Amino acid sequence: GIDDWMVTVDEYDKILQSVYDRGYVLVDINDVWSESTDTNGQPVMIRNTLYIPEGKKPLILSYDDTNYYEYMLANGFTYKLVIGEDGKIASWGKDPQGNEVTSRDLDAIPILDKFVEEHLDFSPFGAKGCLSLTGYQGILGYRTDSAYNTDEYKAEHPDFNFEEERANAAKVVQCLRDDGFEIASHSWGHRNMGTIPMDKFREDTDKWANEVETLTGPCDIILFPFGSDIGDWHPYDTSSERFQYLYNKGFRYFCNVDSSQYFVQIGDDYMRQGRRNLDGYRMYYDLPESGVGGDHLSDLFDVNEVFDRSRPTPVPKMTE
């Protein structure tokens, strides 16, 4: 799974440098599309006029599962996001010897933050990226879900304070928002929202609202787990119970994963956009040596230069 879905720090640094060198600038999804009202006072999605520096190209970055799940703690990942003494987002974790480490160099979010500080023209409007959150193991490395608020868990973790955990997570969310990051849903339980039974769909959506949105504030973006969707390429309509349920919960931006360069669909009351997965799977199968040699990323970076040769290969075919 790590080989499939993650990028190494070295790969990530090279990706950021490449898109910067190629003239991309970061924009917020709300800069491109937004909700307005029509002449009848009804909500309607509109395509904004986006002004960017001459010769530049807009880029929206998104990050799935910004949760720091329990399995990650023993696999070389940082443990959680924190607010450093300088007031900036950093990561906190432990090195192989068990020493605590707070750094801005070991995790995708603070690395991007530092890159923008060093290349201010990369983010002319202050945008950073869109972070999607599940809820079943808490958010941002904090065990905020009510499943942790039990006598059994507290007995095993005597220093754990559930209310304090949620309060600290909310502070980090606000710091991220102030820093130019957007927050999105990734469902509560990392569910395939297009295939789960409708009762489970409602239950999961309600859990996200109760367990996550109470910490993040209102969210109108959903980045679908597994890159799936709640419909095929045809426009959403009122006959889709799944779309209507999400819409009534406040969602307006619906993003799947699509290997093509652009997939955008603007309805009267929603915006739908495909995303490209920049991960071990996509990069490996774009390499000639994979025997597939696709071309999904060449406008962003040269895969031959970015791909970390210390990766185990062949990268496994992705499954759910």
C-alpha atoms as a PDB file:
ATOM      1  CA  GLY A   1       0.000   0.000   0.000  1.00  0.00           C
ATOM      2  CA  ILE A   2       2.783   2.444   0.842  1.00  0.00           C
ATOM      3  CA  ASP A   3       4.534   1.642  -2.452  1.00  0.00           C
ATOM      4  CA  ASP A   4       1.255   2.221  -4.313  1.00  0.00           C
ATOM      5  CA  TRP A   5      -0.167   5.315  -2.700  1.00  0.00           C
ATOM      6  CA  MET A   6       2.668   7.405  -1.275  1.00  0.00           C
ATOM      7  CA  VAL A   7       5.509   9.555  -2.543  1.00  0.00           C
ATOM      8  CA  THR A   8       8.878   9.851  -0.834  1.00  0.00           C
ATOM      9  CA  VAL A   9      10.194  13.187   0.406  1.00  0.00           C
ATOM     10  CA  ASP A  10      12.735  13.179  -2.438  1.00  0.00           C
ATOM     11  CA  GLU A  11      10.013  12.596  -5.049  1.00  0.00           C
ATOM     12  CA  TYR A  12       7.795  15.252  -3.523  1.00  0.00           C
ATOM     13  CA  ASP A  13      10.572  17.842  -3.470  1.00  0.00           C
ATOM     14  CA  LYS A  14      11.272  17.181  -7.146  1.00  0.00           C
ATOM     15  CA  ILE A  15       7.568  17.373  -8.064  1.00  0.00           C
ATOM     16  CA  LEU A  16       7.170  20.750  -6.370  1.00  0.00           C
ATOM     17  CA  GLN A  17      10.306  22.095  -8.028  1.00  0.00           C
ATOM     18  CA  SER A  18       9.198  20.824 -11.436  1.00  0.00           C
ATOM     19  CA  VAL A  19       5.704  22.310 -11.410  1.00  0.00           C
ATOM     20  CA  TYR A  20       7.179  25.578 -10.173  1.00  0.00           C
ATOM     21  CA  ASP A  21       9.826  25.597 -12.925  1.00  0.00           C
ATOM     22  CA  ARG A  22       7.157  24.861 -15.535  1.00  0.00           C
ATOM     23  CA  GLY A  23       5.179  27.940 -14.632  1.00  0.00           C
ATOM     24  CA  TYR A  24       2.353  26.553 -12.510  1.00  0.00           C
ATOM     25  CA  VAL A  25       0.910  28.653  -9.700  1.00  0.00           C
ATOM     26  CA  LEU A  26      -1.275  27.425  -6.854  1.00  0.00           C
ATOM     27  CA  VAL A  27      -4.924  28.417  -6.824  1.00  0.00           C
ATOM     28  CA  ASP A  28      -7.798  27.555  -4.533  1.00  0.00           C
ATOM     29  CA  ILE A  29     -10.703  25.554  -5.940  1.00  0.00           C
ATOM     30  CA  ASN A  30     -12.987  28.386  -4.762  1.00  0.00           C
ATOM     31  CA  ASP A  31     -10.992  30.825  -6.901  1.00  0.00           C
ATOM     32  CA  VAL A  32     -11.970  28.899 -10.017  1.00  0.00           C
ATOM     33  CA  TRP A  33     -15.604  28.085  -9.249  1.00  0.00           C
ATOM     34  CA  SER A  34     -17.929  29.400  -6.576  1.00  0.00           C
ATOM     35  CA  GLU A  35     -21.547  29.420  -5.513  1.00  0.00           C
ATOM     36  CA  SER A  36     -23.629  32.507  -6.247  1.00  0.00           C
ATOM     37  CA  THR A  37     -27.329  33.246  -6.587  1.00  0.00           C
ATOM     38  CA  ASP A  38     -29.335  33.681  -9.768  1.00  0.00           C
ATOM     39  CA  THR A  39     -31.922  36.344 -10.496  1.00  0.00           C
ATOM     40  CA  ASN A  40     -34.502  34.320  -8.579  1.00  0.00           C
ATOM     41  CA  GLY A  41     -32.303  34.131  -5.514  1.00  0.00           C
ATOM     42  CA  GLN A  42     -31.541  30.441  -6.040  1.00  0.00           C
ATOM     43  CA  PRO A  43     -28.024  29.062  -5.457  1.00  0.00           C
ATOM     44  CA  VAL A  44     -26.038  28.461  -8.636  1.00  0.00           C
ATOM     45  CA  MET A  45     -22.439  27.460  -9.358  1.00  0.00           C
ATOM     46  CA  ILE A  46     -20.476  29.802 -11.587  1.00  0.00           C
ATOM     47  CA  ARG A  47     -17.106  29.698 -13.309  1.00  0.00           C
ATOM     48  CA  ASN A  48     -15.087  32.652 -12.056  1.00  0.00           C
ATOM     49  CA  THR A  49     -12.779  34.799 -14.142  1.00  0.00           C
ATOM     50  CA  LEU A  50      -9.373  33.782 -12.854  1.00  0.00           C
ATOM     51  CA  TYR A  51      -6.562  36.298 -13.184  1.00  0.00           C
ATOM     52  CA  ILE A  52      -3.058  34.878 -12.860  1.00  0.00           C
ATOM     53  CA  PRO A  53       0.372  36.299 -13.730  1.00  0.00           C
ATOM     54  CA  GLU A  54       1.111  36.333 -17.450  1.00  0.00           C
ATOM     55  CA  GLY A  55       2.608  33.086 -18.704  1.00  0.00           C
ATOM     56  CA  LYS A  56       1.528  31.077 -15.653  1.00  0.00           C
ATOM     57  CA  LYS A  57      -0.827  28.081 -15.404  1.00  0.00           C
ATOM     58  CA  PRO A  58      -3.231  27.360 -12.525  1.00  0.00           C
ATOM     59  CA  LEU A  59      -2.739  24.262 -10.363  1.00  0.00           C
ATOM     60  CA  ILE A  60      -4.935  22.892  -7.579  1.00  0.00           C
ATOM     61  CA  LEU A  61      -3.135  20.543  -5.182  1.00  0.00           C
ATOM     62  CA  SER A  62      -5.119  18.069  -3.090  1.00  0.00           C
ATOM     63  CA  TYR A  63      -4.038  15.566  -0.441  1.00  0.00           C
ATOM     64  CA  ASP A  64      -6.009  12.493   0.562  1.00  0.00           C
ATOM     65  CA  ASP A  65      -6.240  11.001   4.075  1.00  0.00           C
ATOM     66  CA  THR A  66      -4.523  13.745   6.068  1.00  0.00           C
ATOM     67  CA  ASN A  67      -5.239  11.665   9.146  1.00  0.00           C
ATOM     68  CA  TYR A  68      -1.997   9.979  10.221  1.00  0.00           C
ATOM     69  CA  TYR A  69      -3.579   6.598  10.792  1.00  0.00           C
ATOM     70  CA  GLU A  70      -2.366   4.244  13.478  1.00  0.00           C
ATOM     71  CA  TYR A  71      -0.691   1.899  10.966  1.00  0.00           C
ATOM     72  CA  MET A  72       1.540   4.765   9.833  1.00  0.00           C
ATOM     73  CA  LEU A  73       3.203   5.247  13.207  1.00  0.00           C
ATOM     74  CA  ALA A  74       5.427   2.194  12.799  1.00  0.00           C
ATOM     75  CA  ASN A  75       6.154   2.769   9.108  1.00  0.00           C
ATOM     76  CA  GLY A  76       8.310   5.872   8.935  1.00  0.00           C
ATOM     77  CA  PHE A  77       5.587   8.516   8.929  1.00  0.00           C
ATOM     78  CA  THR A  78       5.232  11.474  11.216  1.00  0.00           C
ATOM     79  CA  TYR A  79       2.561  11.162  13.879  1.00  0.00           C
ATOM     80  CA  LYS A  80       0.585  14.376  13.596  1.00  0.00           C
ATOM     81  CA  LEU A  81       0.563  17.999  12.567  1.00  0.00           C
ATOM     82  CA  VAL A  82       1.295  20.576  15.251  1.00  0.00           C
ATOM     83  CA  ILE A  83       1.707  24.315  15.544  1.00  0.00           C
ATOM     84  CA  GLY A  84       5.375  25.085  16.089  1.00  0.00           C
ATOM     85  CA  GLU A  85       6.772  27.679  18.450  1.00  0.00           C
ATOM     86  CA  ASP A  86       6.967  30.060  15.492  1.00  0.00           C
ATOM     87  CA  GLY A  87       3.230  29.655  14.889  1.00  0.00           C
ATOM     88  CA  LYS A  88       3.757  27.664  11.693  1.00  0.00           C
ATOM     89  CA  ILE A  89       2.515  24.188  10.823  1.00  0.00           C
ATOM     90  CA  ALA A  90       5.052  21.444  11.534  1.00  0.00           C
ATOM     91  CA  SER A  91       4.989  17.681  11.961  1.00  0.00           C
ATOM     92  CA  TRP A  92       5.632  15.800  15.177  1.00  0.00           C
ATOM     93  CA  GLY A  93       6.816  12.234  15.503  1.00  0.00           C
ATOM     94  CA  LYS A  94       9.503   9.947  16.838  1.00  0.00           C
ATOM     95  CA  ASP A  95      12.737   8.807  15.262  1.00  0.00           C
ATOM     96  CA  PRO A  96      13.784   5.109  15.229  1.00  0.00           C
ATOM     97  CA  GLN A  97      15.383   5.573  18.653  1.00  0.00           C
ATOM     98  CA  GLY A  98      12.157   6.918  20.137  1.00  0.00           C
ATOM     99  CA  ASN A  99      13.244  10.547  20.358  1.00  0.00           C
ATOM    100  CA  GLU A 100      10.591  13.190  19.745  1.00  0.00           C
ATOM    101  CA  VAL A 101      11.076  15.171  16.539  1.00  0.00           C
ATOM    102  CA  THR A 102       9.274  18.349  15.509  1.00  0.00           C
ATOM    103  CA  SER A 103      10.158  19.393  11.974  1.00  0.00           C
ATOM    104  CA  ARG A 104       8.988  21.221   8.869  1.00  0.00           C
ATOM    105  CA  ASP A 105      11.019  18.928   6.577  1.00  0.00           C
ATOM    106  CA  LEU A 106       9.418  15.505   7.048  1.00  0.00           C
ATOM    107  CA  ASP A 107       5.804  15.835   5.926  1.00  0.00           C
ATOM    108  CA  ALA A 108       4.013  16.984   2.776  1.00  0.00           C
ATOM    109  CA  ILE A 109       2.082  19.844   4.381  1.00  0.00           C
ATOM    110  CA  PRO A 110       4.916  21.779   6.091  1.00  0.00           C
ATOM    111  CA  ILE A 111       7.248  20.982   3.173  1.00  0.00           C
ATOM    112  CA  LEU A 112       4.807  22.741   0.832  1.00  0.00           C
ATOM    113  CA  ASP A 113       4.520  25.590   3.323  1.00  0.00           C
ATOM    114  CA  LYS A 114       8.293  26.071   3.325  1.00  0.00           C
ATOM    115  CA  PHE A 115       8.494  25.826  -0.450  1.00  0.00           C
ATOM    116  CA  VAL A 116       5.962  28.633  -0.844  1.00  0.00           C
ATOM    117  CA  GLU A 117       7.873  30.760   1.665  1.00  0.00           C
ATOM    118  CA  GLU A 118      10.956  30.368  -0.518  1.00  0.00           C
ATOM    119  CA  HIS A 119       9.019  30.859  -3.786  1.00  0.00           C
ATOM    120  CA  LEU A 120       6.308  33.391  -3.036  1.00  0.00           C
ATOM    121  CA  ASP A 121       5.347  33.686  -6.694  1.00  0.00           C
ATOM    122  CA  PHE A 122       4.283  30.017  -6.605  1.00  0.00           C
ATOM    123  CA  SER A 123       1.203  31.099  -4.634  1.00  0.00           C
ATOM    124  CA  PRO A 124       0.248  34.598  -5.810  1.00  0.00           C
ATOM    125  CA  PHE A 125      -3.119  34.487  -4.002  1.00  0.00           C
ATOM    126  CA  GLY A 126      -2.038  32.673  -0.832  1.00  0.00           C
ATOM    127  CA  ALA A 127      -3.486  29.271  -1.811  1.00  0.00           C
ATOM    128  CA  LYS A 128      -1.765  26.085  -0.654  1.00  0.00           C
ATOM    129  CA  GLY A 129      -3.781  22.896  -1.106  1.00  0.00           C
ATOM    130  CA  CYS A 130      -6.939  20.996  -0.230  1.00  0.00           C
ATOM    131  CA  LEU A 131      -6.634  18.458   2.615  1.00  0.00           C
ATOM    132  CA  SER A 132      -9.240  15.698   2.739  1.00  0.00           C
ATOM    133  CA  LEU A 133     -10.062  14.019   6.036  1.00  0.00           C
ATOM    134  CA  THR A 134     -11.732  10.820   7.114  1.00  0.00           C
ATOM    135  CA  GLY A 135     -12.827  10.548  10.732  1.00  0.00           C
ATOM    136  CA  TYR A 136     -12.750   6.974  11.956  1.00  0.00           C
ATOM    137  CA  GLN A 137      -9.275   7.303  13.501  1.00  0.00           C
ATOM    138  CA  GLY A 138      -9.463  11.023  14.143  1.00  0.00           C
ATOM    139  CA  ILE A 139      -7.970  13.842  12.093  1.00  0.00           C
ATOM    140  CA  LEU A 140      -4.487  15.250  11.532  1.00  0.00           C
ATOM    141  CA  GLY A 141      -3.011  12.663  13.906  1.00  0.00           C
ATOM    142  CA  TYR A 142      -5.350  13.467  16.797  1.00  0.00           C
ATOM    143  CA  ARG A 143      -7.643  10.709  18.081  1.00  0.00           C
ATOM    144  CA  THR A 144     -10.766  12.830  17.884  1.00  0.00           C
ATOM    145  CA  ASP A 145     -13.404  10.234  17.024  1.00  0.00           C
ATOM    146  CA  SER A 146     -15.845   9.324  19.778  1.00  0.00           C
ATOM    147  CA  ALA A 147     -14.704   5.691  19.529  1.00  0.00           C
ATOM    148  CA  TYR A 148     -11.594   6.772  21.483  1.00  0.00           C
ATOM    149  CA  ASN A 149     -13.645   8.338  24.267  1.00  0.00           C
ATOM    150  CA  THR A 150     -14.023   5.081  26.165  1.00  0.00           C
ATOM    151  CA  ASP A 151     -12.854   3.800  29.537  1.00  0.00           C
ATOM    152  CA  GLU A 152     -11.034   0.944  27.800  1.00  0.00           C
ATOM    153  CA  TYR A 153      -8.961   3.242  25.555  1.00  0.00           C
ATOM    154  CA  LYS A 154      -8.226   5.650  28.402  1.00  0.00           C
ATOM    155  CA  ALA A 155      -7.089   2.752  30.603  1.00  0.00           C
ATOM    156  CA  GLU A 156      -4.587   1.739  27.917  1.00  0.00           C
ATOM    157  CA  HIS A 157      -3.538   5.377  27.370  1.00  0.00           C
ATOM    158  CA  PRO A 158      -3.600   7.030  30.813  1.00  0.00           C
ATOM    159  CA  ASP A 159      -2.335  10.385  29.466  1.00  0.00           C
ATOM    160  CA  PHE A 160      -5.089  10.613  26.866  1.00  0.00           C
ATOM    161  CA  ASN A 161      -7.577  13.477  27.228  1.00  0.00           C
ATOM    162  CA  PHE A 162     -10.351  13.300  24.647  1.00  0.00           C
ATOM    163  CA  GLU A 163     -11.572  16.878  25.019  1.00  0.00           C
ATOM    164  CA  GLU A 164      -8.021  18.212  24.848  1.00  0.00           C
ATOM    165  CA  GLU A 165      -7.328  16.074  21.776  1.00  0.00           C
ATOM    166  CA  ARG A 166     -10.295  17.570  19.937  1.00  0.00           C
ATOM    167  CA  ALA A 167      -9.435  21.098  21.030  1.00  0.00           C
ATOM    168  CA  ASN A 168      -5.853  20.748  19.780  1.00  0.00           C
ATOM    169  CA  ALA A 169      -7.036  19.312  16.455  1.00  0.00           C
ATOM    170  CA  ALA A 170      -9.409  22.252  15.978  1.00  0.00           C
ATOM    171  CA  LYS A 171      -6.553  24.706  16.625  1.00  0.00           C
ATOM    172  CA  VAL A 172      -4.418  23.024  13.964  1.00  0.00           C
ATOM    173  CA  VAL A 173      -7.329  23.107  11.496  1.00  0.00           C
ATOM    174  CA  GLN A 174      -7.738  26.837  12.045  1.00  0.00           C
ATOM    175  CA  CYS A 175      -4.005  27.383  11.581  1.00  0.00           C
ATOM    176  CA  LEU A 176      -4.141  25.440   8.313  1.00  0.00           C
ATOM    177  CA  ARG A 177      -7.124  27.441   7.079  1.00  0.00           C
ATOM    178  CA  ASP A 178      -5.406  30.705   8.017  1.00  0.00           C
ATOM    179  CA  ASP A 179      -2.363  29.493   6.087  1.00  0.00           C
ATOM    180  CA  GLY A 180      -4.269  28.962   2.836  1.00  0.00           C
ATOM    181  CA  PHE A 181      -5.306  25.314   3.062  1.00  0.00           C
ATOM    182  CA  GLU A 182      -8.834  24.111   2.336  1.00  0.00           C
ATOM    183  CA  ILE A 183     -10.456  21.229   4.227  1.00  0.00           C
ATOM    184  CA  ALA A 184     -12.525  18.565   2.457  1.00  0.00           C
ATOM    185  CA  SER A 185     -14.389  15.395   3.319  1.00  0.00           C
ATOM    186  CA  HIS A 186     -12.929  12.032   2.358  1.00  0.00           C
ATOM    187  CA  SER A 187     -15.973  10.335   3.923  1.00  0.00           C
ATOM    188  CA  TRP A 188     -15.901   9.294   7.589  1.00  0.00           C
ATOM    189  CA  GLY A 189     -14.918   5.685   7.099  1.00  0.00           C
ATOM    190  CA  HIS A 190     -13.022   5.831   3.785  1.00  0.00           C
ATOM    191  CA  ARG A 191     -15.966   4.242   2.033  1.00  0.00           C
ATOM    192  CA  ASN A 192     -16.656   3.805  -1.668  1.00  0.00           C
ATOM    193  CA  MET A 193     -19.486   6.307  -1.793  1.00  0.00           C
ATOM    194  CA  GLY A 194     -20.730   5.077  -5.147  1.00  0.00           C
ATOM    195  CA  THR A 195     -21.277   1.455  -4.150  1.00  0.00           C
ATOM    196  CA  ILE A 196     -22.064   1.198  -0.438  1.00  0.00           C
ATOM    197  CA  PRO A 197     -25.734   0.626   0.455  1.00  0.00           C
ATOM    198  CA  MET A 198     -27.725   3.829   0.795  1.00  0.00           C
ATOM    199  CA  ASP A 199     -28.320   3.391   4.525  1.00  0.00           C
ATOM    200  CA  LYS A 200     -24.554   3.081   5.068  1.00  0.00           C
ATOM    201  CA  PHE A 201     -24.023   6.086   2.794  1.00  0.00           C
ATOM    202  CA  ARG A 202     -26.278   8.232   4.975  1.00  0.00           C
ATOM    203  CA  GLU A 203     -24.753   6.865   8.169  1.00  0.00           C
ATOM    204  CA  ASP A 204     -21.203   7.598   7.004  1.00  0.00           C
ATOM    205  CA  THR A 205     -22.069  11.110   5.794  1.00  0.00           C
ATOM    206  CA  ASP A 206     -23.785  11.905   9.089  1.00  0.00           C
ATOM    207  CA  LYS A 207     -20.804  10.608  11.059  1.00  0.00           C
ATOM    208  CA  TRP A 208     -18.473  12.883   9.103  1.00  0.00           C
ATOM    209  CA  ALA A 209     -20.702  15.842   9.918  1.00  0.00           C
ATOM    210  CA  ASN A 210     -20.878  14.951  13.614  1.00  0.00           C
ATOM    211  CA  GLU A 211     -17.300  13.791  14.221  1.00  0.00           C
ATOM    212  CA  VAL A 212     -15.246  15.896  11.790  1.00  0.00           C
ATOM    213  CA  GLU A 213     -17.163  18.934  10.621  1.00  0.00           C
ATOM    214  CA  THR A 214     -17.724  19.904  14.247  1.00  0.00           C
ATOM    215  CA  LEU A 215     -13.941  20.438  14.387  1.00  0.00           C
ATOM    216  CA  THR A 216     -13.255  21.846  10.935  1.00  0.00           C
ATOM    217  CA  GLY A 217     -16.243  24.113  10.441  1.00  0.00           C
ATOM    218  CA  PRO A 218     -18.467  23.889   7.350  1.00  0.00           C
ATOM    219  CA  CYS A 219     -16.966  22.065   4.350  1.00  0.00           C
ATOM    220  CA  ASP A 220     -18.360  22.116   0.825  1.00  0.00           C
ATOM    221  CA  ILE A 221     -15.747  19.878  -0.883  1.00  0.00           C
ATOM    222  CA  ILE A 222     -15.689  16.086  -1.035  1.00  0.00           C
ATOM    223  CA  LEU A 223     -12.735  14.154  -2.471  1.00  0.00           C
ATOM    224  CA  PHE A 224     -14.089  10.663  -3.029  1.00  0.00           C
ATOM    225  CA  PRO A 225     -12.155   7.734  -1.505  1.00  0.00           C
ATOM    226  CA  PHE A 226     -10.615   5.310  -4.017  1.00  0.00           C
ATOM    227  CA  GLY A 227     -11.085   8.035  -6.617  1.00  0.00           C
ATOM    228  CA  SER A 228     -14.581   6.681  -7.242  1.00  0.00           C
ATOM    229  CA  ASP A 229     -17.695   8.751  -7.776  1.00  0.00           C
ATOM    230  CA  ILE A 230     -21.419   8.613  -7.060  1.00  0.00           C
ATOM    231  CA  GLY A 231     -22.270   8.468 -10.752  1.00  0.00           C
ATOM    232  CA  ASP A 232     -20.839   7.928 -14.212  1.00  0.00           C
ATOM    233  CA  TRP A 233     -19.778  10.756 -16.535  1.00  0.00           C
ATOM    234  CA  HIS A 234     -23.344  11.946 -17.039  1.00  0.00           C
ATOM    235  CA  PRO A 235     -24.292  15.094 -15.094  1.00  0.00           C
ATOM    236  CA  TYR A 236     -25.696  14.671 -11.608  1.00  0.00           C
ATOM    237  CA  ASP A 237     -29.429  15.326 -11.362  1.00  0.00           C
ATOM    238  CA  THR A 238     -32.213  15.360  -8.811  1.00  0.00           C
ATOM    239  CA  SER A 239     -32.891  11.662  -9.391  1.00  0.00           C
ATOM    240  CA  SER A 240     -29.592  10.801  -7.689  1.00  0.00           C
ATOM    241  CA  GLU A 241     -30.348  10.208  -4.034  1.00  0.00           C
ATOM    242  CA  ARG A 242     -26.629  10.167  -3.208  1.00  0.00           C
ATOM    243  CA  PHE A 243     -26.012  13.522  -4.850  1.00  0.00           C
ATOM    244  CA  GLN A 244     -29.057  15.060  -3.172  1.00  0.00           C
ATOM    245  CA  TYR A 245     -27.991  13.778   0.248  1.00  0.00           C
ATOM    246  CA  LEU A 246     -24.504  15.257  -0.101  1.00  0.00           C
ATOM    247  CA  TYR A 247     -25.866  18.479  -1.585  1.00  0.00           C
ATOM    248  CA  ASN A 248     -28.272  18.920   1.312  1.00  0.00           C
ATOM    249  CA  LYS A 249     -25.324  18.452   3.672  1.00  0.00           C
ATOM    250  CA  GLY A 250     -23.655  21.444   2.042  1.00  0.00           C
ATOM    251  CA  PHE A 251     -21.312  19.876  -0.513  1.00  0.00           C
ATOM    252  CA  ARG A 252     -20.856  21.718  -3.802  1.00  0.00           C
ATOM    253  CA  TYR A 253     -17.485  20.452  -5.104  1.00  0.00           C
ATOM    254  CA  PHE A 254     -17.285  16.757  -6.031  1.00  0.00           C
ATOM    255  CA  CYS A 255     -13.876  15.344  -7.003  1.00  0.00           C
ATOM    256  CA  ASN A 256     -13.040  11.849  -8.213  1.00  0.00           C
ATOM    257  CA  VAL A 257      -9.745  10.591  -9.649  1.00  0.00           C
ATOM    258  CA  ASP A 258      -9.328  10.550 -13.416  1.00  0.00           C
ATOM    259  CA  SER A 259      -6.144   9.662 -15.256  1.00  0.00           C
ATOM    260  CA  SER A 260      -6.825  12.156 -18.028  1.00  0.00           C
ATOM    261  CA  GLN A 261      -5.417  15.649 -17.827  1.00  0.00           C
ATOM    262  CA  TYR A 262      -8.746  17.422 -17.410  1.00  0.00           C
ATOM    263  CA  PHE A 263     -12.219  16.377 -16.361  1.00  0.00           C
ATOM    264  CA  VAL A 264     -14.482  19.254 -15.343  1.00  0.00           C
ATOM    265  CA  GLN A 265     -18.261  19.320 -15.233  1.00  0.00           C
ATOM    266  CA  ILE A 266     -20.227  22.328 -14.032  1.00  0.00           C
ATOM    267  CA  GLY A 267     -23.872  21.834 -13.201  1.00  0.00           C
ATOM    268  CA  ASP A 268     -26.365  24.439 -12.126  1.00  0.00           C
ATOM    269  CA  ASP A 269     -25.716  23.651  -8.474  1.00  0.00           C
ATOM    270  CA  TYR A 270     -22.415  21.756  -8.318  1.00  0.00           C
ATOM    271  CA  MET A 271     -18.898  21.557  -9.713  1.00  0.00           C
ATOM    272  CA  ARG A 272     -17.291  18.220 -10.502  1.00  0.00           C
ATOM    273  CA  GLN A 273     -13.591  17.797 -11.175  1.00  0.00           C
ATOM    274  CA  GLY A 274     -11.266  14.887 -11.827  1.00  0.00           C
ATOM    275  CA  ARG A 275      -7.884  14.673 -10.114  1.00  0.00           C
ATOM    276  CA  ARG A 276      -4.703  12.904 -11.153  1.00  0.00           C
ATOM    277  CA  ASN A 277      -3.041  10.638  -8.618  1.00  0.00           C
ATOM    278  CA  LEU A 278       0.645  11.479  -8.166  1.00  0.00           C
ATOM    279  CA  ASP A 279       1.793   8.339  -6.393  1.00  0.00           C
ATOM    280  CA  GLY A 280       4.024   5.297  -6.762  1.00  0.00           C
ATOM    281  CA  TYR A 281       1.470   3.462  -8.856  1.00  0.00           C
ATOM    282  CA  ARG A 282       0.937   6.205 -11.411  1.00  0.00           C
ATOM    283  CA  MET A 283       4.617   7.083 -11.677  1.00  0.00           C
ATOM    284  CA  TYR A 284       5.829   3.494 -12.050  1.00  0.00           C
ATOM    285  CA  TYR A 285       3.350   2.629 -14.794  1.00  0.00           C
ATOM    286  CA  ASP A 286       4.360   5.755 -16.678  1.00  0.00           C
ATOM    287  CA  LEU A 287       7.963   4.502 -16.787  1.00  0.00           C
ATOM    288  CA  PRO A 288       9.110   2.655 -19.941  1.00  0.00           C
ATOM    289  CA  GLU A 289      10.611  -0.103 -17.766  1.00  0.00           C
ATOM    290  CA  SER A 290       7.138  -0.969 -16.405  1.00  0.00           C
ATOM    291  CA  GLY A 291       6.193  -2.371 -19.788  1.00  0.00           C
ATOM    292  CA  VAL A 292       3.217  -0.014 -19.863  1.00  0.00           C
ATOM    293  CA  GLY A 293       4.870   3.334 -20.398  1.00  0.00           C
ATOM    294  CA  GLY A 294       1.841   5.578 -20.096  1.00  0.00           C
ATOM    295  CA  ASP A 295       1.911   9.344 -20.401  1.00  0.00           C
ATOM    296  CA  HIS A 296      -0.236  10.825 -17.663  1.00  0.00           C
ATOM    297  CA  LEU A 297       2.173  13.196 -15.919  1.00  0.00           C
ATOM    298  CA  SER A 298       4.635  14.591 -18.468  1.00  0.00           C
ATOM    299  CA  ASP A 299       3.059  18.044 -18.430  1.00  0.00           C
ATOM    300  CA  LEU A 300       3.843  18.257 -14.707  1.00  0.00           C
ATOM    301  CA  PHE A 301       7.215  16.534 -14.371  1.00  0.00           C
ATOM    302  CA  ASP A 302       9.587  13.998 -15.929  1.00  0.00           C
ATOM    303  CA  VAL A 303       8.793  10.685 -14.239  1.00  0.00           C
ATOM    304  CA  ASN A 304      12.257   9.322 -15.043  1.00  0.00           C
ATOM    305  CA  GLU A 305      13.812  12.136 -13.029  1.00  0.00           C
ATOM    306  CA  VAL A 306      11.340  12.025 -10.134  1.00  0.00           C
ATOM    307  CA  PHE A 307      10.758   8.306  -9.519  1.00  0.00           C
ATOM    308  CA  ASP A 308      12.684   7.118  -6.452  1.00  0.00           C
ATOM    309  CA  ARG A 309      14.797   4.146  -7.550  1.00  0.00           C
ATOM    310  CA  SER A 310      14.899   2.811  -3.990  1.00  0.00           C
ATOM    311  CA  ARG A 311      11.237   1.836  -4.341  1.00  0.00           C
ATOM    312  CA  PRO A 312      10.410  -1.875  -4.493  1.00  0.00           C
ATOM    313  CA  THR A 313       9.423  -2.688  -8.062  1.00  0.00           C
ATOM    314  CA  PRO A 314       7.265  -3.640  -9.770  1.00  0.00           C
ATOM    315  CA  VAL A 315       4.857  -1.446  -7.846  1.00  0.00           C
ATOM    316  CA  PRO A 316       1.794  -3.618  -7.160  1.00  0.00           C
ATOM    317  CA  LYS A 317      -1.359  -3.059  -9.116  1.00  0.00           C
ATOM    318  CA  MET A 318      -3.730  -1.017  -6.960  1.00  0.00           C
ATOM    319  CA  THR A 319      -6.797  -2.603  -5.474  1.00  0.00           C
ATOM    320  CA  GLU A 320      -9.397  -1.378  -3.018  1.00  0.00           C
END
